C-alpha cells in the first residue's frame, strides 16, 4: 500500500507528522454546523408543539429578566412564558 498524503485514516503512516489541536469531529465548517443545529432545534420545537416569538427589549429589561430567572432557577424563556400566561389569564 502506498502512502497517500491526503489519507488520514491510517495513523501509523503519519506517526512522525505532528498536527496541532483537537482532531476534527465533523467534516462541515462551523457556520454550516450552526445552521444545521439551529434547523434541528426548530424542528424539535415544532414537534413539541412550540412556536417561536421574537421581541426586542431594552438592556435594562433584559438584565432584569435574567436576574429574575436565575433567582427562580428557571430559564429566561420559561420566565417570559410564565409572565405571559399570568397576563393572558387575568
N, C-alpha and C. Protein backbone atom coordinates (compact mmCIF):
# COMPACT_ATOMS: atom_id res chain seq x y z
N UNK A 1 0.85 -1.18 0.00
CA UNK A 1 0.00 0.00 0.00
C UNK A 1 0.89 1.24 0.00
N UNK A 2 0.59 2.16 -0.86
CA UNK A 2 1.38 3.39 -0.96
C UNK A 2 0.86 4.42 0.03
N UNK A 3 1.75 5.28 0.46
CA UNK A 3 1.37 6.34 1.38
C UNK A 3 0.73 7.48 0.58
N UNK A 4 -0.51 7.77 0.92
CA UNK A 4 -1.24 8.86 0.27
C UNK A 4 -1.31 10.00 1.27
N UNK A 5 -0.85 11.20 0.89
CA UNK A 5 -0.77 12.31 1.83
C UNK A 5 -2.12 12.80 2.28
N UNK A 6 -3.15 12.60 1.49
CA UNK A 6 -4.49 13.06 1.90
C UNK A 6 -5.22 12.03 2.76
N UNK A 7 -4.67 10.83 2.92
CA UNK A 7 -5.30 9.76 3.69
C UNK A 7 -4.99 9.95 5.17
N UNK A 8 -5.98 10.20 5.97
CA UNK A 8 -5.79 10.42 7.41
C UNK A 8 -6.32 9.25 8.24
N UNK A 9 -6.80 8.19 7.59
CA UNK A 9 -7.36 7.08 8.34
C UNK A 9 -6.30 6.10 8.81
N UNK A 10 -5.16 6.07 8.17
CA UNK A 10 -4.08 5.16 8.59
C UNK A 10 -3.06 5.95 9.40
N UNK A 11 -3.28 5.97 10.71
CA UNK A 11 -2.47 6.80 11.59
C UNK A 11 -1.01 6.36 11.61
N UNK A 12 -0.77 5.05 11.49
CA UNK A 12 0.60 4.55 11.57
C UNK A 12 1.50 5.13 10.47
N UNK A 13 0.93 5.52 9.34
CA UNK A 13 1.73 6.11 8.28
C UNK A 13 2.14 7.55 8.60
N UNK A 14 1.42 8.16 9.55
CA UNK A 14 1.66 9.56 9.88
C UNK A 14 2.13 9.73 11.32
N UNK A 15 2.74 8.72 11.89
CA UNK A 15 3.15 8.76 13.29
C UNK A 15 4.16 9.87 13.55
N UNK A 16 4.99 10.19 12.58
CA UNK A 16 6.01 11.22 12.79
C UNK A 16 5.46 12.62 12.50
N UNK A 17 4.34 12.72 11.85
CA UNK A 17 3.77 14.03 11.49
C UNK A 17 3.00 14.58 12.68
N UNK A 18 3.36 15.78 13.14
CA UNK A 18 2.70 16.42 14.26
C UNK A 18 1.63 17.37 13.75
N UNK A 19 0.44 17.24 14.30
CA UNK A 19 -0.63 18.18 13.96
C UNK A 19 -1.13 18.79 15.25
N UNK A 20 -1.36 20.09 15.25
CA UNK A 20 -1.78 20.80 16.45
C UNK A 20 -3.27 20.69 16.65
N UNK A 21 -3.67 20.74 17.89
CA UNK A 21 -5.07 20.86 18.24
C UNK A 21 -5.85 19.55 18.21
N UNK A 22 -7.10 19.72 18.47
CA UNK A 22 -8.02 18.59 18.51
C UNK A 22 -8.39 18.16 17.10
N UNK A 23 -8.49 16.86 16.85
CA UNK A 23 -8.87 16.44 15.50
C UNK A 23 -10.32 16.83 15.19
N UNK A 24 -10.59 17.07 13.94
CA UNK A 24 -11.95 17.44 13.54
C UNK A 24 -12.89 16.28 13.76
N UNK A 25 -14.02 16.57 14.39
CA UNK A 25 -15.01 15.52 14.62
C UNK A 25 -16.18 15.66 13.66
N UNK A 26 -16.20 16.75 12.91
CA UNK A 26 -17.27 16.99 11.96
C UNK A 26 -16.65 17.52 10.67
N UNK A 27 -17.00 16.95 9.53
CA UNK A 27 -16.38 17.39 8.28
C UNK A 27 -16.85 18.76 7.79
N UNK A 28 -17.96 19.26 8.34
CA UNK A 28 -18.51 20.54 7.87
C UNK A 28 -17.85 21.71 8.57
N UNK A 29 -17.78 22.88 7.89
CA UNK A 29 -17.28 24.09 8.56
C UNK A 29 -18.24 24.53 9.67
N UNK A 30 -17.74 25.31 10.60
CA UNK A 30 -18.52 25.70 11.78
C UNK A 30 -19.82 26.42 11.41
N UNK A 31 -19.81 27.31 10.43
CA UNK A 31 -21.02 28.05 10.09
C UNK A 31 -22.12 27.12 9.57
N UNK A 32 -21.75 26.10 8.82
CA UNK A 32 -22.75 25.13 8.36
C UNK A 32 -23.24 24.27 9.51
N UNK A 33 -22.37 23.93 10.43
CA UNK A 33 -22.79 23.17 11.60
C UNK A 33 -23.84 23.94 12.40
N UNK A 34 -23.60 25.25 12.58
CA UNK A 34 -24.53 26.08 13.33
C UNK A 34 -25.90 26.14 12.66
N UNK A 35 -25.91 26.28 11.32
CA UNK A 35 -27.17 26.32 10.58
C UNK A 35 -27.94 25.01 10.74
N UNK A 36 -27.24 23.90 10.62
CA UNK A 36 -27.88 22.59 10.76
C UNK A 36 -28.42 22.40 12.17
N UNK A 37 -27.62 22.78 13.18
CA UNK A 37 -28.07 22.65 14.57
C UNK A 37 -29.29 23.50 14.85
N UNK A 38 -29.31 24.72 14.32
CA UNK A 38 -30.45 25.61 14.53
C UNK A 38 -31.70 25.05 13.86
N UNK A 39 -31.52 24.53 12.64
CA UNK A 39 -32.66 23.92 11.92
C UNK A 39 -33.21 22.73 12.70
N UNK A 40 -32.32 21.91 13.24
CA UNK A 40 -32.75 20.76 14.04
C UNK A 40 -33.48 21.19 15.31
N UNK A 41 -32.99 22.27 15.94
CA UNK A 41 -33.64 22.78 17.14
C UNK A 41 -35.04 23.26 16.83
N UNK A 42 -35.21 23.98 15.73
CA UNK A 42 -36.53 24.48 15.34
C UNK A 42 -37.47 23.32 15.05
N UNK A 43 -36.97 22.28 14.39
CA UNK A 43 -37.80 21.11 14.11
C UNK A 43 -38.20 20.40 15.40
N UNK A 44 -37.28 20.29 16.38
CA UNK A 44 -37.62 19.68 17.67
C UNK A 44 -38.70 20.49 18.37
N UNK A 45 -38.55 21.82 18.34
CA UNK A 45 -39.54 22.67 18.99
C UNK A 45 -40.91 22.51 18.34
N UNK A 46 -40.95 22.47 17.02
CA UNK A 46 -42.22 22.28 16.32
C UNK A 46 -42.84 20.94 16.67
N UNK A 47 -42.02 19.89 16.75
CA UNK A 47 -42.53 18.57 17.11
C UNK A 47 -43.10 18.55 18.52
N UNK A 48 -42.58 19.40 19.39
CA UNK A 48 -43.08 19.51 20.76
C UNK A 48 -44.23 20.50 20.88
N UNK A 49 -44.68 21.05 19.75
CA UNK A 49 -45.81 21.97 19.77
C UNK A 49 -45.47 23.39 20.17
N UNK A 50 -44.22 23.77 20.08
CA UNK A 50 -43.80 25.11 20.46
C UNK A 50 -43.75 26.02 19.25
N UNK A 51 -44.07 27.29 19.45
CA UNK A 51 -44.00 28.30 18.41
C UNK A 51 -43.00 29.36 18.83
N UNK A 52 -42.32 29.95 17.85
CA UNK A 52 -41.32 30.98 18.13
C UNK A 52 -41.97 32.36 18.16
N UNK A 53 -41.57 33.14 19.15
CA UNK A 53 -41.95 34.55 19.23
C UNK A 53 -40.67 35.32 19.48
N UNK A 54 -40.40 36.32 18.66
CA UNK A 54 -39.21 37.14 18.86
C UNK A 54 -39.64 38.55 19.22
N UNK A 55 -38.93 39.14 20.19
CA UNK A 55 -39.20 40.52 20.55
C UNK A 55 -37.90 41.19 20.96
N UNK A 56 -37.89 42.49 20.83
CA UNK A 56 -36.71 43.27 21.21
C UNK A 56 -37.06 44.06 22.46
N UNK A 57 -36.14 44.02 23.44
CA UNK A 57 -36.35 44.73 24.69
C UNK A 57 -35.10 45.54 25.02
N UNK A 58 -35.25 46.46 25.95
CA UNK A 58 -34.11 47.28 26.37
C UNK A 58 -33.14 46.44 27.18
N UNK A 59 -31.92 46.93 27.31
CA UNK A 59 -30.90 46.21 28.07
C UNK A 59 -31.30 46.08 29.53
N UNK A 60 -31.94 47.11 30.09
CA UNK A 60 -32.36 47.06 31.49
C UNK A 60 -33.38 45.94 31.72
N UNK A 61 -34.36 45.84 30.84
CA UNK A 61 -35.36 44.79 30.96
C UNK A 61 -34.73 43.41 30.77
N UNK A 62 -33.83 43.31 29.83
CA UNK A 62 -33.13 42.05 29.57
C UNK A 62 -32.36 41.60 30.83
N UNK A 63 -31.64 42.53 31.45
CA UNK A 63 -30.88 42.20 32.65
C UNK A 63 -31.81 41.80 33.79
N UNK A 64 -32.94 42.52 33.93
CA UNK A 64 -33.89 42.21 34.99
C UNK A 64 -34.50 40.82 34.78
N UNK A 65 -34.82 40.48 33.54
CA UNK A 65 -35.36 39.15 33.26
C UNK A 65 -34.33 38.06 33.57
N UNK A 66 -33.08 38.31 33.21
CA UNK A 66 -32.02 37.34 33.51
C UNK A 66 -31.86 37.13 35.02
N UNK A 67 -31.85 38.22 35.77
CA UNK A 67 -31.69 38.13 37.22
C UNK A 67 -32.85 37.39 37.86
N UNK A 68 -34.07 37.72 37.43
CA UNK A 68 -35.26 37.08 37.99
C UNK A 68 -35.28 35.59 37.64
N UNK A 69 -34.90 35.25 36.42
CA UNK A 69 -34.88 33.85 36.01
C UNK A 69 -33.84 33.07 36.81
N UNK A 70 -32.66 33.66 37.00
CA UNK A 70 -31.62 32.98 37.79
C UNK A 70 -32.05 32.80 39.24
N UNK A 71 -32.73 33.83 39.80
CA UNK A 71 -33.21 33.74 41.18
C UNK A 71 -34.30 32.66 41.31
N UNK A 72 -35.10 32.48 40.27
CA UNK A 72 -36.17 31.48 40.29
C UNK A 72 -35.67 30.10 39.84
N UNK A 73 -34.41 30.03 39.40
CA UNK A 73 -33.80 28.79 38.94
C UNK A 73 -34.54 28.20 37.73
N UNK A 74 -34.96 29.08 36.82
CA UNK A 74 -35.58 28.65 35.57
C UNK A 74 -34.92 29.42 34.43
N UNK A 75 -35.21 29.01 33.21
CA UNK A 75 -34.63 29.71 32.06
C UNK A 75 -35.39 31.01 31.81
N UNK A 76 -34.76 31.90 31.08
CA UNK A 76 -35.40 33.18 30.75
C UNK A 76 -36.66 32.97 29.94
N UNK A 77 -36.62 32.04 28.99
CA UNK A 77 -37.81 31.79 28.17
C UNK A 77 -38.97 31.24 29.01
N UNK A 78 -38.64 30.38 30.00
CA UNK A 78 -39.69 29.88 30.89
C UNK A 78 -40.29 31.01 31.72
N UNK A 79 -39.45 31.93 32.18
CA UNK A 79 -39.94 33.07 32.95
C UNK A 79 -40.86 33.94 32.10
N UNK A 80 -40.45 34.23 30.88
CA UNK A 80 -41.28 35.05 29.99
C UNK A 80 -42.60 34.36 29.72
N UNK A 81 -42.57 33.04 29.53
CA UNK A 81 -43.81 32.30 29.29
C UNK A 81 -44.73 32.38 30.51
N UNK A 82 -44.17 32.27 31.71
CA UNK A 82 -44.99 32.39 32.93
C UNK A 82 -45.63 33.77 33.04
N UNK A 83 -44.85 34.80 32.75
CA UNK A 83 -45.37 36.17 32.81
C UNK A 83 -46.50 36.36 31.81
N UNK A 84 -46.30 35.86 30.59
CA UNK A 84 -47.35 35.98 29.58
C UNK A 84 -48.59 35.18 29.96
N UNK A 85 -48.41 33.99 30.51
CA UNK A 85 -49.57 33.18 30.94
C UNK A 85 -50.37 33.90 32.00
N UNK A 86 -49.69 34.50 32.97
CA UNK A 86 -50.39 35.26 34.02
C UNK A 86 -51.17 36.40 33.44
N UNK A 87 -50.58 37.11 32.48
CA UNK A 87 -51.24 38.28 31.88
C UNK A 87 -52.45 37.85 31.05
N UNK A 88 -52.34 36.76 30.33
CA UNK A 88 -53.44 36.30 29.48
C UNK A 88 -54.60 35.77 30.34
N UNK A 89 -54.28 35.13 31.45
CA UNK A 89 -55.32 34.53 32.29
C UNK A 89 -56.01 35.52 33.20
N UNK A 90 -55.65 36.78 33.18
CA UNK A 90 -56.31 37.80 34.02
C UNK A 90 -57.73 38.03 33.62
